[in-house]
Amino acid sequence: MMTLEELKRRQELIDEINWDMTPEEAVRLYLEWGNNWARGDGYVIRSKGDYTTYFVVNCWNRPYYVYLIRRNSDEAQELARFELPRQFEKNVCELKGVYALEADSKAWLKRELGVVR
């Protein structure tokens, strides 16, 4: 599994990150195929070859970690893992669970990875 520093050197992987994907949306898309048609959001999963790469924050135990996940309908691969900086803990990890990046932590991570959007 990659560190943040290793991920910074993988531009092809950075380019495929879906910055809007949340853990809940990924489950809906890839594990609950029957619900996909109702939203009309343009995402249609047709096969195990369709995947999304996105970040989640694991807030179950300290230290809290950010994971880069690649998910398809068959599995979720953890591609990278690094600690969530303490300044973002209160905003993201108020309760135990797995969450999407919030606005400030997402902006920080985009700067770290050289993503300008």
Protein backbone atom coordinates (compact mmCIF):
# COMPACT_ATOMS: atom_id res chain seq x y z
CA MET A 1 0.00 0.00 0.00
CA MET A 2 1.33 3.43 -0.93
CA THR A 3 2.08 6.35 1.35
CA LEU A 4 1.10 9.94 0.52
CA GLU A 5 4.63 10.59 -0.73
CA GLU A 6 4.48 7.57 -3.04
CA LEU A 7 1.05 8.57 -4.29
CA LYS A 8 2.38 12.03 -5.21
CA ARG A 9 4.60 10.34 -7.81
CA ARG A 10 1.71 8.44 -9.45
CA GLN A 11 0.12 11.06 -11.69
CA GLU A 12 -1.88 8.50 -13.66
CA LEU A 13 -3.55 7.39 -10.43
CA ILE A 14 -4.12 10.96 -9.23
CA ASP A 15 -5.80 11.73 -12.56
CA GLU A 16 -8.40 8.99 -12.06
CA ILE A 17 -9.52 10.10 -8.57
CA ASN A 18 -13.21 10.91 -8.35
CA TRP A 19 -13.15 13.79 -5.86
CA ASP A 20 -16.95 13.81 -5.52
CA MET A 21 -17.39 10.12 -4.67
CA THR A 22 -18.40 9.30 -1.11
CA PRO A 23 -18.32 5.92 0.64
CA GLU A 24 -22.13 5.85 0.65
CA GLU A 25 -22.35 6.60 -3.06
CA ALA A 26 -19.76 3.94 -3.86
CA VAL A 27 -21.78 1.31 -2.00
CA ARG A 28 -24.95 2.40 -3.78
CA LEU A 29 -23.29 2.24 -7.19
CA TYR A 30 -21.25 -0.92 -6.87
CA LEU A 31 -23.03 -3.06 -4.30
CA GLU A 32 -26.69 -2.09 -4.75
CA TRP A 33 -27.02 -2.32 -8.51
CA GLY A 34 -30.82 -2.21 -8.39
CA ASN A 35 -30.87 1.39 -7.12
CA ASN A 36 -28.67 2.93 -9.79
CA TRP A 37 -31.30 3.73 -12.38
CA ALA A 38 -33.41 5.84 -10.02
CA ARG A 39 -30.93 8.67 -9.53
CA GLY A 40 -30.28 9.56 -13.16
CA ASP A 41 -26.84 10.94 -12.24
CA GLY A 42 -25.01 9.52 -15.25
CA TYR A 43 -23.24 6.71 -13.40
CA VAL A 44 -24.18 3.31 -14.75
CA ILE A 45 -22.22 0.25 -13.68
CA ARG A 46 -22.32 -2.39 -16.38
CA SER A 47 -19.57 -4.84 -15.38
CA LYS A 48 -16.77 -5.63 -12.96
CA GLY A 49 -14.51 -3.66 -15.30
CA ASP A 50 -16.20 -0.42 -14.20
CA TYR A 51 -14.48 1.09 -11.16
CA THR A 52 -14.06 4.31 -9.22
CA THR A 53 -11.02 5.58 -7.33
CA TYR A 54 -11.83 7.78 -4.34
CA PHE A 55 -10.81 8.73 -0.79
CA VAL A 56 -12.36 7.72 2.52
CA VAL A 57 -11.41 8.60 6.08
CA ASN A 58 -11.44 5.80 8.65
CA CYS A 59 -12.44 7.30 12.00
CA TRP A 60 -12.78 4.14 14.06
CA ASN A 61 -9.49 4.34 15.96
CA ARG A 62 -6.62 6.79 16.35
CA PRO A 63 -4.62 7.54 14.42
CA TYR A 64 -7.30 8.30 11.83
CA TYR A 65 -6.30 7.33 8.31
CA VAL A 66 -7.17 8.51 4.82
CA TYR A 67 -7.42 5.65 2.32
CA LEU A 68 -7.38 5.80 -1.45
CA ILE A 69 -9.81 3.10 -2.57
CA ARG A 70 -10.45 1.57 -5.98
CA ARG A 71 -13.87 -0.10 -5.96
CA ASN A 72 -15.74 -2.18 -8.47
CA SER A 73 -18.71 -4.48 -7.95
CA ASP A 74 -16.41 -7.29 -6.88
CA GLU A 75 -14.00 -5.71 -4.40
CA ALA A 76 -12.51 -2.60 -2.83
CA GLN A 77 -8.73 -2.32 -3.04
CA GLU A 78 -6.85 -0.08 -0.63
CA LEU A 79 -4.23 1.63 -2.80
CA ALA A 80 -2.80 4.18 -0.36
CA ARG A 81 -3.01 4.99 3.36
CA PHE A 82 -1.77 7.97 5.34
CA GLU A 83 -2.70 9.76 8.55
CA LEU A 84 -5.36 12.43 8.55
CA PRO A 85 -3.69 15.65 9.79
CA ARG A 86 -4.89 16.59 13.27
CA GLN A 87 -6.31 19.94 12.14
CA PHE A 88 -9.02 18.06 10.19
CA GLU A 89 -9.95 15.50 12.84
CA LYS A 90 -12.76 17.49 14.46
CA ASN A 91 -14.48 18.24 11.15
CA VAL A 92 -14.26 14.72 9.73
CA CYS A 93 -14.10 12.37 12.71
CA GLU A 94 -16.68 13.71 15.12
CA LEU A 95 -18.21 10.22 15.34
CA LYS A 96 -16.69 6.79 14.73
CA GLY A 97 -17.17 5.51 11.21
CA VAL A 98 -15.94 5.81 7.64
CA TYR A 99 -16.51 9.16 5.95
CA ALA A 100 -15.81 11.19 2.85
CA LEU A 101 -13.27 13.98 2.95
CA GLU A 102 -14.85 17.26 4.01
CA ALA A 103 -14.15 20.53 2.17
CA ASP A 104 -11.03 21.64 4.10
CA SER A 105 -9.35 18.24 4.11
CA LYS A 106 -10.20 17.76 0.41
CA ALA A 107 -8.65 21.16 -0.44
CA TRP A 108 -5.52 20.25 1.56
CA LEU A 109 -5.19 16.90 -0.20
CA LYS A 110 -5.67 18.46 -3.65
CA ARG A 111 -2.84 20.89 -2.85
CA GLU A 112 -0.63 18.03 -1.66
CA LEU A 113 -1.26 16.08 -4.86
CA GLY A 114 -0.91 19.08 -7.15
CA VAL A 115 -4.52 18.97 -8.34
CA VAL A 116 -5.82 22.36 -9.44
CA ARG A 117 -9.59 22.37 -10.00
